[in-house]
Amino acid sequence: MSAMSYLFTVLALLICISVTDSVYKKKEDSLSDKVSQLTEWNNKKSVIRLTGDKFRELVKTPPKNYSVIVMLTALQSKRQCSVCKQANDEYLILANSWRYSQQFSDRLFFTMVDYDEGPDVFQSLKLNTAPVFMHFPAKGKPKKGDTMDIHRVGFAAEQIARWVQERTDIQVRVFRPPNYSGTLALALLFSLIGGLLYLKRNNLEFLYNKTSWGIGALAIIFAMTSGQMWNHIRGPPLMHKNPQTGQMHYVHASSQGQFIMETYIVMLLNTAVVVGFIMLNEAHTMKSDGRKKRIMALVGLGCVAIFFSLLLSVFRSKYQGYPYR
């Protein structure tokens, strides 16, 4: 190799090293700017609102060394998405818990994109419903598990925190603001019961009334069999509105979830069926003429047949493969 060739080779290597170093520094500067911008916004608000451009710049485009949780929602009143507002409240509780925790760092950011501020984001992700929770990892593209299945687990802050830990290995302990409504309601209930017992202190025979205790027991049974405890644990939405057709859905289409309105519907149907059986029993035991007995029996039989059929229709819509006929 001649001296001139050797000189050109060394010069080319130096240029490559210089270019590589320049590109690496540019990437470092770009990453530093992203983290600084997100941290500055996060210091002002727990949930960072992103437009379409900011979403592509800070969430989709590398380089990144941080994870981003994005809630895609539609909070404008004209969208009439009651579920979105409930999910937003739970998401804000989680984001505040992370922001004010001792583990807070620039490894994780909570953001949101509203449909009216970034419709192109919904189009690029091929989404036609809201709300949707997605995780965008520090490296690589989102996988199937990076989209939270809110229809199965709900969107309570604790459920979102558990999903975030599964995807990022970052534990967020949820701190809910104190809510004294339950305590006040319980105190009011005991006050009413105490006042009633005081007024009736000379006549407490109503405590031995079998009908009153039976009605109370049935109320508890109806509440439990309709899924009230599931609602308390999972925190499902009241109902769901299809953003495309505007149609309201009161019964969840899957056997893995339910709406609060669905609970009330099932409770009322169960109550109507039980009332029908009670009327059938009373028609048999009541001391009256045959005509009244037949009317009560027919009304009771009609309640059982009609409302039990409606109850089966609800289950058929959730378990579509089972022949409820």
C-alpha atoms as a PDB file:
ATOM      1  CA  MET A   1       0.000   0.000   0.000  1.00  0.00           C
ATOM      2  CA  SER A   2       1.429   3.355  -0.978  1.00  0.00           C
ATOM      3  CA  ALA A   3       1.733   6.221   1.463  1.00  0.00           C
ATOM      4  CA  MET A   4      -0.987   8.149  -0.387  1.00  0.00           C
ATOM      5  CA  SER A   5      -3.460   5.215  -0.161  1.00  0.00           C
ATOM      6  CA  TYR A   6      -2.677   4.769   3.508  1.00  0.00           C
ATOM      7  CA  LEU A   7      -3.299   8.487   4.094  1.00  0.00           C
ATOM      8  CA  PHE A   8      -6.668   8.347   2.322  1.00  0.00           C
ATOM      9  CA  THR A   9      -7.672   5.263   4.359  1.00  0.00           C
ATOM     10  CA  VAL A  10      -6.835   6.957   7.667  1.00  0.00           C
ATOM     11  CA  LEU A  11      -8.632  10.108   6.581  1.00  0.00           C
ATOM     12  CA  ALA A  12     -11.747   8.098   5.647  1.00  0.00           C
ATOM     13  CA  LEU A  13     -11.691   6.339   9.016  1.00  0.00           C
ATOM     14  CA  LEU A  14     -11.411   9.657  10.835  1.00  0.00           C
ATOM     15  CA  ILE A  15     -14.348  11.060   8.869  1.00  0.00           C
ATOM     16  CA  CYS A  16     -16.475   7.976   9.666  1.00  0.00           C
ATOM     17  CA  ILE A  17     -15.614   8.235  13.347  1.00  0.00           C
ATOM     18  CA  SER A  18     -16.405  11.940  13.338  1.00  0.00           C
ATOM     19  CA  VAL A  19     -19.748  11.413  11.599  1.00  0.00           C
ATOM     20  CA  THR A  20     -20.671   8.537  13.920  1.00  0.00           C
ATOM     21  CA  ASP A  21     -19.744  10.602  16.952  1.00  0.00           C
ATOM     22  CA  SER A  22     -21.764  13.528  15.608  1.00  0.00           C
ATOM     23  CA  VAL A  23     -24.831  11.317  15.013  1.00  0.00           C
ATOM     24  CA  TYR A  24     -24.482   9.756  18.466  1.00  0.00           C
ATOM     25  CA  LYS A  25     -24.241  13.174  20.116  1.00  0.00           C
ATOM     26  CA  LYS A  26     -27.243  14.375  18.120  1.00  0.00           C
ATOM     27  CA  LYS A  27     -29.247  11.368  19.345  1.00  0.00           C
ATOM     28  CA  GLU A  28     -28.139  12.029  22.907  1.00  0.00           C
ATOM     29  CA  ASP A  29     -29.147  15.680  22.612  1.00  0.00           C
ATOM     30  CA  SER A  30     -32.502  14.685  21.102  1.00  0.00           C
ATOM     31  CA  LEU A  31     -33.159  12.196  23.908  1.00  0.00           C
ATOM     32  CA  SER A  32     -32.126  14.714  26.528  1.00  0.00           C
ATOM     33  CA  ASP A  33     -34.480  17.314  25.056  1.00  0.00           C
ATOM     34  CA  LYS A  34     -37.381  14.845  25.080  1.00  0.00           C
ATOM     35  CA  VAL A  35     -36.827  13.819  28.679  1.00  0.00           C
ATOM     36  CA  SER A  36     -36.392  17.434  29.776  1.00  0.00           C
ATOM     37  CA  GLN A  37     -39.586  18.510  28.035  1.00  0.00           C
ATOM     38  CA  LEU A  38     -41.646  15.632  29.437  1.00  0.00           C
ATOM     39  CA  THR A  39     -40.231  16.152  32.933  1.00  0.00           C
ATOM     40  CA  GLU A  40     -41.010  19.875  32.802  1.00  0.00           C
ATOM     41  CA  TRP A  41     -44.600  19.197  31.780  1.00  0.00           C
ATOM     42  CA  ASN A  42     -44.894  16.417  34.369  1.00  0.00           C
ATOM     43  CA  ASN A  43     -43.850  18.800  37.127  1.00  0.00           C
ATOM     44  CA  LYS A  44     -46.844  20.967  36.229  1.00  0.00           C
ATOM     45  CA  LYS A  45     -49.443  18.251  35.608  1.00  0.00           C
ATOM     46  CA  SER A  46     -49.569  14.581  36.466  1.00  0.00           C
ATOM     47  CA  VAL A  47     -51.142  13.674  33.112  1.00  0.00           C
ATOM     48  CA  ILE A  48     -49.501  15.211  30.041  1.00  0.00           C
ATOM     49  CA  ARG A  49     -51.915  16.135  27.237  1.00  0.00           C
ATOM     50  CA  LEU A  50     -50.480  15.414  23.793  1.00  0.00           C
ATOM     51  CA  THR A  51     -51.503  16.521  20.331  1.00  0.00           C
ATOM     52  CA  GLY A  52     -50.914  14.391  17.263  1.00  0.00           C
ATOM     53  CA  ASP A  53     -47.536  16.009  16.534  1.00  0.00           C
ATOM     54  CA  LYS A  54     -46.308  15.730  20.136  1.00  0.00           C
ATOM     55  CA  PHE A  55     -47.470  12.106  20.282  1.00  0.00           C
ATOM     56  CA  ARG A  56     -45.403  11.192  17.228  1.00  0.00           C
ATOM     57  CA  GLU A  57     -42.392  13.174  18.444  1.00  0.00           C
ATOM     58  CA  LEU A  58     -42.291  12.096  22.105  1.00  0.00           C
ATOM     59  CA  VAL A  59     -43.977   8.695  22.097  1.00  0.00           C
ATOM     60  CA  LYS A  60     -43.525   7.043  18.712  1.00  0.00           C
ATOM     61  CA  THR A  61     -40.190   8.387  17.450  1.00  0.00           C
ATOM     62  CA  PRO A  62     -36.882   7.053  18.870  1.00  0.00           C
ATOM     63  CA  PRO A  63     -34.590   7.524  20.671  1.00  0.00           C
ATOM     64  CA  LYS A  64     -36.340   6.740  23.976  1.00  0.00           C
ATOM     65  CA  ASN A  65     -35.214   5.420  27.333  1.00  0.00           C
ATOM     66  CA  TYR A  66     -38.578   5.852  29.054  1.00  0.00           C
ATOM     67  CA  SER A  67     -41.971   4.137  28.989  1.00  0.00           C
ATOM     68  CA  VAL A  68     -45.153   6.056  28.201  1.00  0.00           C
ATOM     69  CA  ILE A  69     -48.688   5.173  29.274  1.00  0.00           C
ATOM     70  CA  VAL A  70     -51.223   6.784  26.953  1.00  0.00           C
ATOM     71  CA  MET A  71     -54.940   7.090  27.605  1.00  0.00           C
ATOM     72  CA  LEU A  72     -56.778   7.642  24.342  1.00  0.00           C
ATOM     73  CA  THR A  73     -60.106   9.191  25.226  1.00  0.00           C
ATOM     74  CA  ALA A  74     -62.921  11.557  24.217  1.00  0.00           C
ATOM     75  CA  LEU A  75     -63.708  13.968  27.042  1.00  0.00           C
ATOM     76  CA  GLN A  76     -65.556  16.651  25.104  1.00  0.00           C
ATOM     77  CA  SER A  77     -69.186  16.948  26.203  1.00  0.00           C
ATOM     78  CA  LYS A  78     -70.387  16.649  22.603  1.00  0.00           C
ATOM     79  CA  ARG A  79     -68.980  13.081  22.517  1.00  0.00           C
ATOM     80  CA  GLN A  80     -71.241  12.090  25.437  1.00  0.00           C
ATOM     81  CA  CYS A  81     -68.776   9.489  26.666  1.00  0.00           C
ATOM     82  CA  SER A  82     -69.617   8.990  30.342  1.00  0.00           C
ATOM     83  CA  VAL A  83     -67.212   6.053  30.521  1.00  0.00           C
ATOM     84  CA  CYS A  84     -64.349   8.310  29.416  1.00  0.00           C
ATOM     85  CA  LYS A  85     -64.956  10.683  32.323  1.00  0.00           C
ATOM     86  CA  GLN A  86     -64.993   7.859  34.848  1.00  0.00           C
ATOM     87  CA  ALA A  87     -61.820   6.365  33.381  1.00  0.00           C
ATOM     88  CA  ASN A  88     -60.159   9.788  33.395  1.00  0.00           C
ATOM     89  CA  ASP A  89     -60.835  10.197  37.128  1.00  0.00           C
ATOM     90  CA  GLU A  90     -59.230   6.819  37.886  1.00  0.00           C
ATOM     91  CA  TYR A  91     -56.295   7.548  35.558  1.00  0.00           C
ATOM     92  CA  LEU A  92     -55.706  10.895  37.294  1.00  0.00           C
ATOM     93  CA  ILE A  93     -55.631   9.174  40.699  1.00  0.00           C
ATOM     94  CA  LEU A  94     -52.947   6.788  39.423  1.00  0.00           C
ATOM     95  CA  ALA A  95     -50.895   9.549  37.782  1.00  0.00           C
ATOM     96  CA  ASN A  96     -51.002  11.675  40.950  1.00  0.00           C
ATOM     97  CA  SER A  97     -49.948   8.663  43.015  1.00  0.00           C
ATOM     98  CA  TRP A  98     -46.914   8.203  40.750  1.00  0.00           C
ATOM     99  CA  ARG A  99     -46.010  11.889  40.650  1.00  0.00           C
ATOM    100  CA  TYR A 100     -45.965  12.292  44.441  1.00  0.00           C
ATOM    101  CA  SER A 101     -44.386   8.927  45.254  1.00  0.00           C
ATOM    102  CA  GLN A 102     -40.791   8.426  46.368  1.00  0.00           C
ATOM    103  CA  GLN A 103     -40.145   6.178  43.354  1.00  0.00           C
ATOM    104  CA  PHE A 104     -41.028   8.955  40.889  1.00  0.00           C
ATOM    105  CA  SER A 105     -38.487   9.198  38.053  1.00  0.00           C
ATOM    106  CA  ASP A 106     -38.189   9.949  34.355  1.00  0.00           C
ATOM    107  CA  ARG A 107     -38.517   6.246  33.471  1.00  0.00           C
ATOM    108  CA  LEU A 108     -42.319   6.485  33.226  1.00  0.00           C
ATOM    109  CA  PHE A 109     -44.733   9.171  32.034  1.00  0.00           C
ATOM    110  CA  PHE A 110     -48.537   9.230  32.043  1.00  0.00           C
ATOM    111  CA  THR A 111     -50.048  10.986  29.030  1.00  0.00           C
ATOM    112  CA  MET A 112     -53.376  11.298  27.241  1.00  0.00           C
ATOM    113  CA  VAL A 113     -54.629  12.050  23.742  1.00  0.00           C
ATOM    114  CA  ASP A 114     -58.144  13.416  23.322  1.00  0.00           C
ATOM    115  CA  TYR A 115     -59.919  12.515  20.112  1.00  0.00           C
ATOM    116  CA  ASP A 116     -60.740  16.146  19.368  1.00  0.00           C
ATOM    117  CA  GLU A 117     -57.086  17.147  19.820  1.00  0.00           C
ATOM    118  CA  GLY A 118     -55.498  14.250  17.925  1.00  0.00           C
ATOM    119  CA  PRO A 119     -57.912  12.371  15.645  1.00  0.00           C
ATOM    120  CA  ASP A 120     -54.975  11.354  13.462  1.00  0.00           C
ATOM    121  CA  VAL A 121     -53.569   9.378  16.407  1.00  0.00           C
ATOM    122  CA  PHE A 122     -56.758   7.309  16.609  1.00  0.00           C
ATOM    123  CA  GLN A 123     -56.601   6.717  12.858  1.00  0.00           C
ATOM    124  CA  SER A 124     -52.949   5.647  12.932  1.00  0.00           C
ATOM    125  CA  LEU A 125     -53.646   3.196  15.764  1.00  0.00           C
ATOM    126  CA  LYS A 126     -56.868   1.994  14.054  1.00  0.00           C
ATOM    127  CA  LEU A 127     -59.019   2.783  17.085  1.00  0.00           C
ATOM    128  CA  ASN A 128     -62.736   3.471  16.900  1.00  0.00           C
ATOM    129  CA  THR A 129     -63.609   3.268  20.604  1.00  0.00           C
ATOM    130  CA  ALA A 130     -62.627   5.080  23.785  1.00  0.00           C
ATOM    131  CA  PRO A 131     -61.207   4.968  26.353  1.00  0.00           C
ATOM    132  CA  VAL A 132     -58.151   2.857  25.508  1.00  0.00           C
ATOM    133  CA  PHE A 133     -55.011   2.470  27.647  1.00  0.00           C
ATOM    134  CA  MET A 134     -51.780   1.687  25.804  1.00  0.00           C
ATOM    135  CA  HIS A 135     -48.174   1.214  26.871  1.00  0.00           C
ATOM    136  CA  PHE A 136     -45.359   2.343  24.581  1.00  0.00           C
ATOM    137  CA  PRO A 137     -42.121   0.719  25.792  1.00  0.00           C
ATOM    138  CA  ALA A 138     -38.718   2.358  25.846  1.00  0.00           C
ATOM    139  CA  LYS A 139     -37.503   0.022  23.103  1.00  0.00           C
ATOM    140  CA  GLY A 140     -39.379  -1.725  20.371  1.00  0.00           C
ATOM    141  CA  LYS A 141     -42.996  -1.540  19.281  1.00  0.00           C
ATOM    142  CA  PRO A 142     -46.037  -2.165  21.483  1.00  0.00           C
ATOM    143  CA  LYS A 143     -47.170  -5.784  21.706  1.00  0.00           C
ATOM    144  CA  LYS A 144     -50.631  -7.237  22.204  1.00  0.00           C
ATOM    145  CA  GLY A 145     -50.326  -7.101  25.985  1.00  0.00           C
ATOM    146  CA  ASP A 146     -49.460  -3.392  25.835  1.00  0.00           C
ATOM    147  CA  THR A 147     -53.145  -2.607  25.284  1.00  0.00           C
ATOM    148  CA  MET A 148     -55.096  -2.959  28.519  1.00  0.00           C
ATOM    149  CA  ASP A 149     -58.224  -5.132  28.369  1.00  0.00           C
ATOM    150  CA  ILE A 150     -60.570  -2.851  30.339  1.00  0.00           C
ATOM    151  CA  HIS A 151     -63.584  -4.979  29.394  1.00  0.00           C
ATOM    152  CA  ARG A 152     -62.107  -7.858  31.375  1.00  0.00           C
ATOM    153  CA  VAL A 153     -60.449  -6.129  34.342  1.00  0.00           C
ATOM    154  CA  GLY A 154     -62.138  -2.712  34.426  1.00  0.00           C
ATOM    155  CA  PHE A 155     -60.311   0.601  34.709  1.00  0.00           C
ATOM    156  CA  ALA A 156     -60.022   1.199  38.451  1.00  0.00           C
ATOM    157  CA  ALA A 157     -56.749   2.898  39.387  1.00  0.00           C
ATOM    158  CA  GLU A 158     -55.557  -0.237  41.170  1.00  0.00           C
ATOM    159  CA  GLN A 159     -56.188  -2.361  38.074  1.00  0.00           C
ATOM    160  CA  ILE A 160     -54.323   0.086  35.835  1.00  0.00           C
ATOM    161  CA  ALA A 161     -51.419   0.140  38.317  1.00  0.00           C
ATOM    162  CA  ARG A 162     -51.226  -3.658  38.254  1.00  0.00           C
ATOM    163  CA  TRP A 163     -51.177  -3.645  34.449  1.00  0.00           C
ATOM    164  CA  VAL A 164     -48.485  -0.921  34.419  1.00  0.00           C
ATOM    165  CA  GLN A 165     -46.324  -3.029  36.728  1.00  0.00           C
ATOM    166  CA  GLU A 166     -46.717  -6.039  34.433  1.00  0.00           C
ATOM    167  CA  ARG A 167     -45.603  -4.027  31.402  1.00  0.00           C
ATOM    168  CA  THR A 168     -42.870  -1.822  32.923  1.00  0.00           C
ATOM    169  CA  ASP A 169     -41.748  -3.558  36.161  1.00  0.00           C
ATOM    170  CA  ILE A 170     -42.484  -0.257  37.918  1.00  0.00           C
ATOM    171  CA  GLN A 171     -44.749  -0.489  40.947  1.00  0.00           C
ATOM    172  CA  VAL A 172     -47.100   2.423  41.548  1.00  0.00           C
ATOM    173  CA  ARG A 173     -48.832   2.441  44.905  1.00  0.00           C
ATOM    174  CA  VAL A 174     -52.262   4.021  44.543  1.00  0.00           C
ATOM    175  CA  PHE A 175     -53.231   6.702  47.051  1.00  0.00           C
ATOM    176  CA  ARG A 176     -56.875   7.676  46.859  1.00  0.00           C
ATOM    177  CA  PRO A 177     -58.075  11.003  48.246  1.00  0.00           C
ATOM    178  CA  PRO A 178     -60.134  10.533  51.427  1.00  0.00           C
ATOM    179  CA  ASN A 179     -63.817   9.923  50.774  1.00  0.00           C
ATOM    180  CA  TYR A 180     -66.041  10.409  53.789  1.00  0.00           C
ATOM    181  CA  SER A 181     -69.355   9.833  51.999  1.00  0.00           C
ATOM    182  CA  GLY A 182     -69.439   6.164  53.024  1.00  0.00           C
ATOM    183  CA  THR A 183     -68.699   7.011  56.659  1.00  0.00           C
ATOM    184  CA  LEU A 184     -71.354   9.739  56.694  1.00  0.00           C
ATOM    185  CA  ALA A 185     -73.919   7.433  55.073  1.00  0.00           C
ATOM    186  CA  LEU A 186     -73.178   4.711  57.646  1.00  0.00           C
ATOM    187  CA  ALA A 187     -73.440   7.193  60.521  1.00  0.00           C
ATOM    188  CA  LEU A 188     -76.749   8.491  59.135  1.00  0.00           C
ATOM    189  CA  LEU A 189     -78.086   4.940  58.811  1.00  0.00           C
ATOM    190  CA  PHE A 190     -77.206   4.079  62.404  1.00  0.00           C
ATOM    191  CA  SER A 191     -78.703   7.377  63.560  1.00  0.00           C
ATOM    192  CA  LEU A 192     -81.984   6.611  61.783  1.00  0.00           C
ATOM    193  CA  ILE A 193     -82.075   3.076  63.197  1.00  0.00           C
ATOM    194  CA  GLY A 194     -81.276   4.372  66.681  1.00  0.00           C
ATOM    195  CA  GLY A 195     -83.934   7.074  66.408  1.00  0.00           C
ATOM    196  CA  LEU A 196     -86.531   4.565  65.199  1.00  0.00           C
ATOM    197  CA  LEU A 197     -85.747   2.186  68.058  1.00  0.00           C
ATOM    198  CA  TYR A 198     -85.961   5.057  70.563  1.00  0.00           C
ATOM    199  CA  LEU A 199     -89.375   6.156  69.254  1.00  0.00           C
ATOM    200  CA  LYS A 200     -90.630   2.566  69.339  1.00  0.00           C
ATOM    201  CA  ARG A 201     -88.938   1.669  72.620  1.00  0.00           C
ATOM    202  CA  ASN A 202     -92.265   0.770  74.208  1.00  0.00           C
ATOM    203  CA  ASN A 203     -93.341  -1.429  71.283  1.00  0.00           C
ATOM    204  CA  LEU A 204     -90.601  -3.484  69.649  1.00  0.00           C
ATOM    205  CA  GLU A 205     -92.826  -6.152  68.205  1.00  0.00           C
ATOM    206  CA  PHE A 206     -91.890  -5.068  64.658  1.00  0.00           C
ATOM    207  CA  LEU A 207     -88.445  -6.595  65.273  1.00  0.00           C
ATOM    208  CA  TYR A 208     -90.136  -9.989  65.253  1.00  0.00           C
ATOM    209  CA  ASN A 209     -91.966  -9.336  61.974  1.00  0.00           C
ATOM    210  CA  LYS A 210     -91.061 -12.177  59.616  1.00  0.00           C
ATOM    211  CA  THR A 211     -92.141 -10.236  56.529  1.00  0.00           C
ATOM    212  CA  SER A 212     -89.754  -7.349  57.259  1.00  0.00           C
ATOM    213  CA  TRP A 213     -86.819  -9.684  57.811  1.00  0.00           C
ATOM    214  CA  GLY A 214     -87.759 -11.638  54.659  1.00  0.00           C
ATOM    215  CA  ILE A 215     -87.827  -8.478  52.534  1.00  0.00           C
ATOM    216  CA  GLY A 216     -84.458  -7.415  53.962  1.00  0.00           C
ATOM    217  CA  ALA A 217     -82.920 -10.822  53.237  1.00  0.00           C
ATOM    218  CA  LEU A 218     -84.271 -10.818  49.676  1.00  0.00           C
ATOM    219  CA  ALA A 219     -82.856  -7.332  49.065  1.00  0.00           C
ATOM    220  CA  ILE A 220     -79.375  -8.529  50.075  1.00  0.00           C
ATOM    221  CA  ILE A 221     -79.730 -11.676  47.935  1.00  0.00           C
ATOM    222  CA  PHE A 222     -80.846  -9.681  44.886  1.00  0.00           C
ATOM    223  CA  ALA A 223     -77.926  -7.265  45.304  1.00  0.00           C
ATOM    224  CA  MET A 224     -75.345 -10.052  45.585  1.00  0.00           C
ATOM    225  CA  THR A 225     -76.689 -12.279  42.794  1.00  0.00           C
ATOM    226  CA  SER A 226     -76.930  -9.347  40.381  1.00  0.00           C
ATOM    227  CA  GLY A 227     -73.192  -8.567  40.666  1.00  0.00           C
ATOM    228  CA  GLN A 228     -72.991  -5.612  43.049  1.00  0.00           C
ATOM    229  CA  MET A 229     -69.858  -7.005  44.676  1.00  0.00           C
ATOM    230  CA  TRP A 230     -68.229  -7.427  41.250  1.00  0.00           C
ATOM    231  CA  ASN A 231     -69.009  -3.767  40.544  1.00  0.00           C
ATOM    232  CA  HIS A 232     -67.437  -2.737  43.830  1.00  0.00           C
ATOM    233  CA  ILE A 233     -64.245  -4.681  43.081  1.00  0.00           C
ATOM    234  CA  ARG A 234     -63.820  -3.997  39.360  1.00  0.00           C
ATOM    235  CA  GLY A 235     -65.381  -0.531  39.026  1.00  0.00           C
ATOM    236  CA  PRO A 236     -67.106  -1.007  35.620  1.00  0.00           C
ATOM    237  CA  PRO A 237     -68.704   1.867  33.688  1.00  0.00           C
ATOM    238  CA  LEU A 238     -72.399   2.705  34.047  1.00  0.00           C
ATOM    239  CA  MET A 239     -73.077   1.945  30.377  1.00  0.00           C
ATOM    240  CA  HIS A 240     -71.319   2.177  27.023  1.00  0.00           C
ATOM    241  CA  LYS A 241     -72.035   4.381  24.030  1.00  0.00           C
ATOM    242  CA  ASN A 242     -70.784   3.326  20.604  1.00  0.00           C
ATOM    243  CA  PRO A 243     -68.875   6.399  19.296  1.00  0.00           C
ATOM    244  CA  GLN A 244     -69.688   5.498  15.682  1.00  0.00           C
ATOM    245  CA  THR A 245     -73.406   4.744  15.855  1.00  0.00           C
ATOM    246  CA  GLY A 246     -74.246   6.577  19.076  1.00  0.00           C
ATOM    247  CA  GLN A 247     -76.140   3.517  20.324  1.00  0.00           C
ATOM    248  CA  MET A 248     -76.221   2.965  24.074  1.00  0.00           C
ATOM    249  CA  HIS A 249     -75.337  -0.499  25.391  1.00  0.00           C
ATOM    250  CA  TYR A 250     -76.677  -1.432  28.820  1.00  0.00           C
ATOM    251  CA  VAL A 251     -75.639  -5.111  28.771  1.00  0.00           C
ATOM    252  CA  HIS A 252     -72.011  -6.101  28.221  1.00  0.00           C
ATOM    253  CA  ALA A 253     -71.589  -8.363  25.190  1.00  0.00           C
ATOM    254  CA  SER A 254     -68.984 -10.552  26.914  1.00  0.00           C
ATOM    255  CA  SER A 255     -69.318 -13.001  29.782  1.00  0.00           C
ATOM    256  CA  GLN A 256     -66.104 -11.538  31.223  1.00  0.00           C
ATOM    257  CA  GLY A 257     -67.590  -8.128  32.012  1.00  0.00           C
ATOM    258  CA  GLN A 258     -70.707  -6.200  32.917  1.00  0.00           C
ATOM    259  CA  PHE A 259     -72.042  -2.648  33.189  1.00  0.00           C
ATOM    260  CA  ILE A 260     -73.629  -1.107  36.270  1.00  0.00           C
ATOM    261  CA  MET A 261     -76.935  -0.691  34.419  1.00  0.00           C
ATOM    262  CA  GLU A 262     -76.811  -4.406  33.618  1.00  0.00           C
ATOM    263  CA  THR A 263     -76.678  -5.107  37.359  1.00  0.00           C
ATOM    264  CA  TYR A 264     -79.839  -3.084  37.949  1.00  0.00           C
ATOM    265  CA  ILE A 265     -81.609  -4.818  35.055  1.00  0.00           C
ATOM    266  CA  VAL A 266     -80.763  -8.291  36.371  1.00  0.00           C
ATOM    267  CA  MET A 267     -81.789  -7.260  39.887  1.00  0.00           C
ATOM    268  CA  LEU A 268     -85.201  -6.030  38.708  1.00  0.00           C
ATOM    269  CA  LEU A 269     -85.795  -9.159  36.625  1.00  0.00           C
ATOM    270  CA  ASN A 270     -84.904 -11.427  39.547  1.00  0.00           C
ATOM    271  CA  THR A 271     -87.229  -9.423  41.775  1.00  0.00           C
ATOM    272  CA  ALA A 272     -90.092  -9.750  39.289  1.00  0.00           C
ATOM    273  CA  VAL A 273     -89.595 -13.537  39.037  1.00  0.00           C
ATOM    274  CA  VAL A 274     -89.605 -13.909  42.840  1.00  0.00           C
ATOM    275  CA  VAL A 275     -92.730 -11.736  43.115  1.00  0.00           C
ATOM    276  CA  GLY A 276     -94.398 -14.052  40.584  1.00  0.00           C
ATOM    277  CA  PHE A 277     -93.592 -17.134  42.677  1.00  0.00           C
ATOM    278  CA  ILE A 278     -94.836 -15.402  45.821  1.00  0.00           C
ATOM    279  CA  MET A 279     -98.147 -14.614  44.066  1.00  0.00           C
ATOM    280  CA  LEU A 280     -98.462 -18.243  42.974  1.00  0.00           C
ATOM    281  CA  ASN A 281     -97.892 -19.386  46.543  1.00  0.00           C
ATOM    282  CA  GLU A 282    -100.339 -16.826  47.953  1.00  0.00           C
ATOM    283  CA  ALA A 283    -102.994 -17.809  45.414  1.00  0.00           C
ATOM    284  CA  HIS A 284    -102.820 -21.366  46.720  1.00  0.00           C
ATOM    285  CA  THR A 285    -102.996 -20.482  50.425  1.00  0.00           C
ATOM    286  CA  MET A 286    -105.261 -17.412  50.443  1.00  0.00           C
ATOM    287  CA  LYS A 287    -108.810 -17.746  51.772  1.00  0.00           C
ATOM    288  CA  SER A 288    -110.907 -16.173  49.051  1.00  0.00           C
ATOM    289  CA  ASP A 289    -113.224 -17.076  46.206  1.00  0.00           C
ATOM    290  CA  GLY A 290    -111.940 -19.080  43.272  1.00  0.00           C
ATOM    291  CA  ARG A 291    -112.018 -16.151  40.842  1.00  0.00           C
ATOM    292  CA  LYS A 292    -109.509 -14.052  42.839  1.00  0.00           C
ATOM    293  CA  LYS A 293    -107.297 -17.076  43.283  1.00  0.00           C
ATOM    294  CA  ARG A 294    -107.262 -17.752  39.537  1.00  0.00           C
ATOM    295  CA  ILE A 295    -106.477 -14.091  38.723  1.00  0.00           C
ATOM    296  CA  MET A 296    -103.591 -13.990  41.212  1.00  0.00           C
ATOM    297  CA  ALA A 297    -102.271 -17.317  39.981  1.00  0.00           C
ATOM    298  CA  LEU A 298    -102.398 -16.206  36.336  1.00  0.00           C
ATOM    299  CA  VAL A 299    -100.702 -12.887  37.126  1.00  0.00           C
ATOM    300  CA  GLY A 300     -97.984 -14.702  39.083  1.00  0.00           C
ATOM    301  CA  LEU A 301     -97.507 -17.251  36.323  1.00  0.00           C
ATOM    302  CA  GLY A 302     -97.283 -14.432  33.764  1.00  0.00           C
ATOM    303  CA  CYS A 303     -94.607 -12.649  35.842  1.00  0.00           C
ATOM    304  CA  VAL A 304     -92.528 -15.822  36.093  1.00  0.00           C
ATOM    305  CA  ALA A 305     -92.849 -16.686  32.393  1.00  0.00           C
ATOM    306  CA  ILE A 306     -92.263 -13.183  30.997  1.00  0.00           C
ATOM    307  CA  PHE A 307     -89.498 -11.940  33.277  1.00  0.00           C
ATOM    308  CA  PHE A 308     -87.651 -15.262  33.391  1.00  0.00           C
ATOM    309  CA  SER A 309     -87.646 -15.230  29.566  1.00  0.00           C
ATOM    310  CA  LEU A 310     -86.172 -11.712  29.637  1.00  0.00           C
ATOM    311  CA  LEU A 311     -83.568 -12.910  32.127  1.00  0.00           C
ATOM    312  CA  LEU A 312     -82.605 -15.734  29.771  1.00  0.00           C
ATOM    313  CA  SER A 313     -82.366 -13.213  26.926  1.00  0.00           C
ATOM    314  CA  VAL A 314     -79.779 -11.259  28.910  1.00  0.00           C
ATOM    315  CA  PHE A 315     -77.709 -14.410  29.462  1.00  0.00           C
ATOM    316  CA  ARG A 316     -78.121 -15.423  25.826  1.00  0.00           C
ATOM    317  CA  SER A 317     -76.632 -12.093  24.722  1.00  0.00           C
ATOM    318  CA  LYS A 318     -73.583 -12.729  26.961  1.00  0.00           C
ATOM    319  CA  TYR A 319     -73.191 -16.479  26.328  1.00  0.00           C
ATOM    320  CA  GLN A 320     -74.113 -16.539  22.676  1.00  0.00           C
ATOM    321  CA  GLY A 321     -73.057 -20.149  22.074  1.00  0.00           C
ATOM    322  CA  TYR A 322     -75.390 -21.658  24.666  1.00  0.00           C
ATOM    323  CA  PRO A 323     -78.876 -22.691  23.440  1.00  0.00           C
ATOM    324  CA  TYR A 324     -81.085 -20.826  25.892  1.00  0.00           C
ATOM    325  CA  ARG A 325     -84.309 -22.161  24.424  1.00  0.00           C
END
